[in-house]
Amino acid sequence: MVFTGRYYVRTGFRTVNTLFRHFAGSLTSESAVEGALARTCMASQQSWKFDMKTKPPASNVEWEAWAKRDPLFAIATVPDREKEGKQPWREQDFFKLGESDWEDFHEAWTRYGLDPQSCLEIGCGAGRITRQLARSFRQVDAVDISEEMLAYALENVPDKHVSFHRCTGADLPIDDSSVANVFSCHVFQHFDDLAVAENYFLEIHRVLVEGGSLMVHAPIFCWPMAFERFERMRQVHKRWQDWKASVNRTLIAAGMFRPLMRRLEYPLEWFYRQLPKLGFENVVVQIIAPKSSGDPHPFVLARKMNWRLRNSAPTLTEPQPGQAWV
């Protein structure tokens, strides 16, 4: 196994790749000049390796605090299973839970369609699912922001074809177009806003091969007809949650641990509107209730567009007035 701390800055590639996507519709195999331009744009998809400059998400503070205090309970928050609980997690039970959950997740993903060649896990934590990914894919890369979590996973996932990487939560330290699949569970629910999630999906698009798939867990909601009234209430509640998170992080920085980890919900339509704009297709939202708990887990599945097989760029749908998401 490999534990690395490389970071990538991808601003230049994103600009060139975006220009190529919108120009690709006019490319034809009959023109040598146009073909040369296509090859030049494709060649630009090479990693630029620099020190990280992007500001990490503020939500890193809670996760790093939990990693030091109770890494297993931070991942599997089952009542009474914290360190001081009546039945604290044992490693054997913890990883057995991961095995059971992965069976359900893997079954759904297989039906959607995935390539067993390679997989990237975002937010591997202590390795609960990573150990199972190692049995399903020939090569696995796992990233997390916490040194403590990565050290725990490194010790408990003894597979030579698994590589662990520390990231800042802003970029993924993985080469362009290098993985066939991306998986994440119980991570996107802890971001502060949808902008952080969108940046992650941009990075997922960068590292996936064309036609590669993603399976990402995220809490999802869908408003009834009276959209504006409920949305105003949600915005007020979010501002309250933002304030609580800010106070909590200040207390953590002062050495006072508070068992709080915020939860971000995603509008259902956000995935169907935003992911195609980022270069994904075949977007599907599926609810999976693992045998271990019966608790419904919403997952979004999507596939990176294969631009070589398309004659024109997709039509992008802009959000309607009153539907600004945060």
Protein backbone atom coordinates (compact mmCIF):
# COMPACT_ATOMS: atom_id res chain seq x y z
CA MET A 1 0.00 0.00 0.00
CA VAL A 2 1.07 3.57 -0.60
CA PHE A 3 0.34 6.62 1.57
CA THR A 4 1.01 9.85 -0.30
CA GLY A 5 0.47 13.54 0.29
CA ARG A 6 0.47 14.92 -3.27
CA TYR A 7 -1.80 17.78 -4.26
CA TYR A 8 -2.89 19.03 -7.66
CA VAL A 9 -4.06 22.37 -9.02
CA ARG A 10 -6.29 21.95 -12.03
CA THR A 11 -7.45 25.41 -13.11
CA GLY A 12 -5.67 25.36 -16.46
CA PHE A 13 -6.96 21.95 -17.46
CA ARG A 14 -10.55 22.78 -16.58
CA THR A 15 -10.47 25.85 -18.83
CA VAL A 16 -9.01 23.98 -21.82
CA ASN A 17 -11.25 20.97 -21.32
CA THR A 18 -14.38 23.11 -21.09
CA LEU A 19 -13.48 24.88 -24.32
CA PHE A 20 -12.98 21.52 -25.98
CA ARG A 21 -16.37 20.22 -24.82
CA HIS A 22 -18.23 23.12 -26.40
CA PHE A 23 -16.14 23.00 -29.58
CA ALA A 24 -16.30 19.22 -29.94
CA GLY A 25 -19.63 19.40 -31.72
CA SER A 26 -17.97 21.00 -34.76
CA LEU A 27 -15.09 18.50 -34.99
CA THR A 28 -15.17 16.01 -37.87
CA SER A 29 -12.79 13.22 -38.84
CA GLU A 30 -12.64 14.67 -42.37
CA SER A 31 -10.60 17.69 -41.35
CA ALA A 32 -6.92 17.21 -40.52
CA VAL A 33 -6.76 20.65 -38.91
CA GLU A 34 -9.76 19.97 -36.72
CA GLY A 35 -8.40 16.55 -35.83
CA ALA A 36 -5.10 18.11 -34.76
CA LEU A 37 -6.99 20.54 -32.53
CA ALA A 38 -8.88 17.66 -30.93
CA ARG A 39 -5.64 15.78 -30.25
CA THR A 40 -4.09 18.92 -28.76
CA CYS A 41 -7.04 19.41 -26.41
CA MET A 42 -6.93 15.74 -25.40
CA ALA A 43 -3.19 16.00 -24.73
CA SER A 44 -3.86 18.88 -22.36
CA GLN A 45 -5.42 16.38 -19.95
CA GLN A 46 -2.08 15.85 -18.23
CA SER A 47 -1.64 16.42 -14.51
CA TRP A 48 -0.19 19.71 -13.31
CA LYS A 49 1.41 18.93 -9.97
CA PHE A 50 1.87 21.88 -7.62
CA ASP A 51 1.40 22.66 -3.96
CA MET A 52 -2.24 23.05 -2.99
CA LYS A 53 -3.49 26.63 -3.11
CA THR A 54 -7.26 26.09 -2.86
CA LYS A 55 -8.78 26.80 0.54
CA PRO A 56 -9.94 23.57 2.27
CA PRO A 57 -13.63 23.27 3.24
CA ALA A 58 -14.43 24.59 6.73
CA SER A 59 -16.17 21.30 7.56
CA ASN A 60 -12.73 19.64 7.80
CA VAL A 61 -12.55 20.89 11.39
CA GLU A 62 -15.31 18.60 12.69
CA TRP A 63 -14.05 15.55 10.86
CA GLU A 64 -10.49 15.90 12.10
CA ALA A 65 -11.76 16.37 15.67
CA TRP A 66 -13.92 13.25 15.43
CA ALA A 67 -11.02 11.27 13.96
CA LYS A 68 -8.93 11.97 17.04
CA ARG A 69 -11.73 11.33 19.52
CA ASP A 70 -13.68 8.31 18.21
CA PRO A 71 -12.93 7.31 14.58
CA LEU A 72 -15.23 4.28 14.42
CA PHE A 73 -18.28 5.97 15.90
CA ALA A 74 -17.69 9.01 13.67
CA ILE A 75 -18.25 6.75 10.66
CA ALA A 76 -20.94 4.42 12.01
CA THR A 77 -22.99 6.52 14.43
CA VAL A 78 -25.07 3.72 15.88
CA PRO A 79 -26.58 4.53 19.31
CA ASP A 80 -24.56 3.29 22.32
CA ARG A 81 -21.59 2.30 20.15
CA GLU A 82 -19.35 5.27 20.96
CA LYS A 83 -16.25 4.68 23.08
CA GLU A 84 -18.11 5.57 26.27
CA GLY A 85 -21.29 3.76 25.19
CA LYS A 86 -22.82 0.56 26.50
CA GLN A 87 -21.52 -1.43 23.52
CA PRO A 88 -18.59 0.39 21.90
CA TRP A 89 -17.51 -0.64 18.42
CA ARG A 90 -15.11 -3.56 18.10
CA GLU A 91 -13.01 -3.69 14.95
CA GLN A 92 -14.51 -7.05 13.99
CA ASP A 93 -18.08 -5.74 14.17
CA PHE A 94 -17.17 -2.46 12.51
CA PHE A 95 -15.69 -4.09 9.41
CA LYS A 96 -18.43 -6.71 9.30
CA LEU A 97 -20.92 -3.84 9.04
CA GLY A 98 -18.93 -2.47 6.11
CA GLU A 99 -19.04 -5.86 4.41
CA SER A 100 -22.80 -6.09 4.77
CA ASP A 101 -23.43 -2.55 3.54
CA TRP A 102 -21.10 -2.93 0.58
CA GLU A 103 -22.99 -6.03 -0.59
CA ASP A 104 -26.11 -3.88 -0.96
CA PHE A 105 -24.29 -0.93 -2.52
CA HIS A 106 -22.30 -3.11 -4.91
CA GLU A 107 -25.40 -4.95 -6.11
CA ALA A 108 -27.09 -1.68 -7.09
CA TRP A 109 -23.94 -0.31 -8.72
CA THR A 110 -23.44 -3.52 -10.72
CA ARG A 111 -26.96 -3.23 -12.11
CA TYR A 112 -26.17 0.34 -13.18
CA GLY A 113 -22.89 -0.77 -14.76
CA LEU A 114 -19.32 -0.51 -13.51
CA ASP A 115 -15.84 -1.54 -14.59
CA PRO A 116 -13.97 -3.69 -12.00
CA GLN A 117 -10.62 -2.30 -13.15
CA SER A 118 -10.21 0.53 -10.61
CA CYS A 119 -12.02 2.67 -8.05
CA LEU A 120 -11.39 5.85 -6.09
CA GLU A 121 -13.03 6.22 -2.67
CA ILE A 122 -13.62 9.77 -1.43
CA GLY A 123 -13.59 9.96 2.37
CA CYS A 124 -12.33 6.46 3.19
CA GLY A 125 -12.21 7.15 6.93
CA ALA A 126 -11.03 4.12 8.89
CA GLY A 127 -11.37 1.82 5.86
CA ARG A 128 -14.80 0.32 6.57
CA ILE A 129 -15.75 0.22 2.88
CA THR A 130 -12.19 0.37 1.52
CA ARG A 131 -11.56 -3.20 2.63
CA GLN A 132 -14.55 -4.30 0.54
CA LEU A 133 -13.55 -2.22 -2.47
CA ALA A 134 -10.22 -4.04 -2.45
CA ARG A 135 -12.11 -7.29 -3.07
CA SER A 136 -14.20 -5.87 -5.91
CA PHE A 137 -11.64 -3.83 -7.90
CA ARG A 138 -8.16 -4.58 -9.20
CA GLN A 139 -6.81 -1.21 -8.05
CA VAL A 140 -8.18 1.08 -5.32
CA ASP A 141 -7.19 4.62 -4.37
CA ALA A 142 -8.62 5.97 -1.11
CA VAL A 143 -8.45 9.59 0.07
CA ASP A 144 -9.25 11.32 3.34
CA ILE A 145 -8.40 14.62 5.02
CA SER A 146 -7.44 13.06 8.37
CA GLU A 147 -4.02 11.62 9.16
CA GLU A 148 -5.53 9.65 12.05
CA MET A 149 -8.17 8.05 9.83
CA LEU A 150 -5.65 7.18 7.13
CA ALA A 151 -3.28 5.62 9.68
CA TYR A 152 -6.13 3.49 11.03
CA ALA A 153 -7.18 2.41 7.54
CA LEU A 154 -3.60 1.69 6.50
CA GLU A 155 -3.25 -0.69 9.44
CA ASN A 156 -6.54 -2.48 8.86
CA VAL A 157 -6.63 -2.78 5.07
CA PRO A 158 -3.53 -4.89 4.28
CA ASP A 159 -3.97 -5.05 0.50
CA LYS A 160 -1.07 -4.31 -1.81
CA HIS A 161 -3.30 -2.92 -4.55
CA VAL A 162 -4.79 -0.22 -2.25
CA SER A 163 -3.15 3.23 -2.15
CA PHE A 164 -4.05 5.80 0.51
CA HIS A 165 -3.69 9.53 -0.08
CA ARG A 166 -4.20 12.51 2.18
CA CYS A 167 -6.07 15.43 0.63
CA THR A 168 -7.26 18.84 1.81
CA GLY A 169 -10.86 18.32 0.75
CA ALA A 170 -10.45 20.80 -2.09
CA ASP A 171 -8.76 18.74 -4.82
CA LEU A 172 -8.23 15.03 -5.35
CA PRO A 173 -4.54 13.95 -5.49
CA ILE A 174 -5.21 11.60 -8.40
CA ASP A 175 -4.09 11.81 -12.05
CA ASP A 176 -6.45 12.90 -14.82
CA SER A 177 -8.56 10.20 -16.47
CA SER A 178 -6.96 7.49 -14.33
CA VAL A 179 -9.82 5.69 -12.55
CA ALA A 180 -12.83 3.80 -13.88
CA ASN A 181 -15.15 4.43 -10.91
CA VAL A 182 -15.58 6.78 -7.94
CA PHE A 183 -17.42 5.88 -4.72
CA SER A 184 -18.31 7.89 -1.62
CA CYS A 185 -20.59 7.24 1.33
CA HIS A 186 -21.46 9.44 4.34
CA VAL A 187 -19.19 12.26 3.14
CA PHE A 188 -21.14 14.69 0.95
CA GLN A 189 -23.74 15.07 3.70
CA HIS A 190 -21.25 16.99 5.87
CA PHE A 191 -20.32 19.81 3.47
CA ASP A 192 -21.30 23.39 4.22
CA ASP A 193 -23.00 24.10 0.90
CA LEU A 194 -23.57 22.86 -2.64
CA ALA A 195 -20.58 24.80 -3.95
CA VAL A 196 -18.24 22.41 -2.12
CA ALA A 197 -20.09 19.45 -3.60
CA GLU A 198 -19.91 20.93 -7.09
CA ASN A 199 -16.15 21.32 -6.78
CA TYR A 200 -15.91 17.65 -5.80
CA PHE A 201 -17.97 16.61 -8.82
CA LEU A 202 -15.64 18.67 -11.02
CA GLU A 203 -12.70 16.78 -9.56
CA ILE A 204 -14.52 13.46 -10.00
CA HIS A 205 -15.06 14.31 -13.65
CA ARG A 206 -11.35 15.10 -14.03
CA VAL A 207 -10.08 11.82 -12.59
CA LEU A 208 -12.64 9.53 -14.25
CA VAL A 209 -11.95 7.93 -17.59
CA GLU A 210 -14.54 8.65 -20.29
CA GLY A 211 -17.52 6.40 -19.65
CA GLY A 212 -16.45 5.89 -16.01
CA SER A 213 -19.15 5.86 -13.34
CA LEU A 214 -19.71 7.39 -9.92
CA MET A 215 -21.81 6.32 -6.95
CA VAL A 216 -22.14 9.02 -4.29
CA HIS A 217 -24.33 9.01 -1.19
CA ALA A 218 -26.07 12.27 -0.31
CA PRO A 219 -29.25 13.22 1.63
CA ILE A 220 -31.87 14.30 -0.91
CA PHE A 221 -35.18 16.15 -0.64
CA CYS A 222 -37.90 17.17 -3.07
CA TRP A 223 -40.39 19.93 -2.31
CA PRO A 224 -44.14 19.62 -3.01
CA MET A 225 -45.92 22.14 -5.24
CA ALA A 226 -45.62 25.05 -2.76
CA PHE A 227 -41.90 25.37 -3.53
CA GLU A 228 -41.15 28.96 -2.55
CA ARG A 229 -42.69 28.77 0.95
CA PHE A 230 -40.76 25.65 1.90
CA GLU A 231 -37.56 26.93 0.35
CA ARG A 232 -37.69 30.13 2.41
CA MET A 233 -38.07 28.02 5.55
CA ARG A 234 -35.12 25.87 4.50
CA GLN A 235 -32.95 28.94 3.93
CA VAL A 236 -33.71 30.24 7.43
CA HIS A 237 -32.88 26.84 8.91
CA LYS A 238 -29.64 26.68 6.92
CA ARG A 239 -28.51 30.07 8.20
CA TRP A 240 -29.13 28.83 11.74
CA GLN A 241 -27.11 25.69 11.01
CA ASP A 242 -24.30 27.81 9.52
CA TRP A 243 -24.14 29.86 12.70
CA LYS A 244 -24.07 26.75 14.92
CA ALA A 245 -21.29 25.23 12.82
CA SER A 246 -19.25 28.43 13.05
CA VAL A 247 -19.57 28.51 16.84
CA ASN A 248 -18.74 24.83 17.09
CA ARG A 249 -15.57 25.22 15.02
CA THR A 250 -14.45 28.13 17.15
CA LEU A 251 -14.87 26.01 20.28
CA ILE A 252 -12.99 23.09 18.70
CA ALA A 253 -10.11 25.44 17.82
CA ALA A 254 -10.08 26.49 21.49
CA GLY A 255 -9.74 22.86 22.56
CA MET A 256 -13.40 22.24 23.48
CA PHE A 257 -14.78 19.21 21.62
CA ARG A 258 -18.47 19.30 20.77
CA PRO A 259 -20.14 16.20 19.26
CA LEU A 260 -21.68 18.08 16.36
CA MET A 261 -21.39 17.34 12.66
CA ARG A 262 -23.61 19.33 10.34
CA ARG A 263 -25.87 17.79 7.69
CA LEU A 264 -26.42 19.15 4.20
CA GLU A 265 -29.49 18.14 2.17
CA TYR A 266 -29.51 18.26 -1.63
CA PRO A 267 -32.49 19.28 -3.80
CA LEU A 268 -33.35 16.34 -6.04
CA GLU A 269 -33.43 18.49 -9.16
CA TRP A 270 -29.93 19.82 -8.42
CA PHE A 271 -28.32 16.56 -9.54
CA TYR A 272 -30.33 16.39 -12.76
CA ARG A 273 -29.57 20.02 -13.62
CA GLN A 274 -25.97 20.40 -12.46
CA LEU A 275 -24.28 17.08 -13.24
CA PRO A 276 -24.95 17.24 -17.01
CA LYS A 277 -23.50 20.76 -16.96
CA LEU A 278 -20.33 19.33 -15.42
CA GLY A 279 -19.98 16.64 -18.09
CA PHE A 280 -21.99 13.70 -16.71
CA GLU A 281 -24.83 11.72 -18.25
CA ASN A 282 -27.20 8.87 -17.31
CA VAL A 283 -27.90 10.51 -13.95
CA VAL A 284 -29.92 8.25 -11.66
CA VAL A 285 -30.97 8.67 -8.03
CA GLN A 286 -31.54 5.39 -6.23
CA ILE A 287 -32.63 4.68 -2.66
CA ILE A 288 -30.87 1.73 -1.01
CA ALA A 289 -31.91 0.38 2.39
CA PRO A 290 -28.97 -1.70 3.71
CA LYS A 291 -29.81 -4.96 5.45
CA SER A 292 -27.79 -3.84 8.47
CA SER A 293 -30.14 -1.00 9.43
CA GLY A 294 -32.98 -0.66 6.95
CA ASP A 295 -32.24 3.08 6.89
CA PRO A 296 -32.85 4.49 3.37
CA HIS A 297 -29.62 5.73 1.76
CA PRO A 298 -30.05 7.96 -1.32
CA PHE A 299 -27.29 7.54 -3.90
CA VAL A 300 -26.69 9.41 -7.12
CA LEU A 301 -25.17 7.42 -9.98
CA ALA A 302 -23.84 8.99 -13.15
CA ARG A 303 -21.35 8.43 -15.94
CA LYS A 304 -18.69 10.69 -17.42
CA MET A 305 -19.69 11.61 -20.95
CA ASN A 306 -17.73 10.01 -23.75
CA TRP A 307 -17.13 13.01 -25.98
CA ARG A 308 -15.51 10.98 -28.74
CA LEU A 309 -18.85 9.27 -29.35
CA ARG A 310 -20.88 12.47 -29.42
CA ASN A 311 -21.46 14.63 -32.48
CA SER A 312 -22.48 17.67 -30.51
CA ALA A 313 -22.21 19.09 -26.99
CA PRO A 314 -25.27 18.65 -24.73
CA THR A 315 -27.82 21.40 -24.27
CA LEU A 316 -27.36 22.88 -20.81
CA THR A 317 -30.38 23.83 -18.76
CA GLU A 318 -30.03 26.90 -16.56
CA PRO A 319 -31.77 27.15 -13.14
CA GLN A 320 -35.13 28.87 -13.24
CA PRO A 321 -35.81 32.12 -11.35
CA GLY A 322 -36.28 31.47 -7.66
CA GLN A 323 -34.30 28.24 -7.78
CA ALA A 324 -30.89 29.43 -6.63
CA TRP A 325 -29.27 26.66 -4.61
CA VAL A 326 -26.80 27.12 -1.77
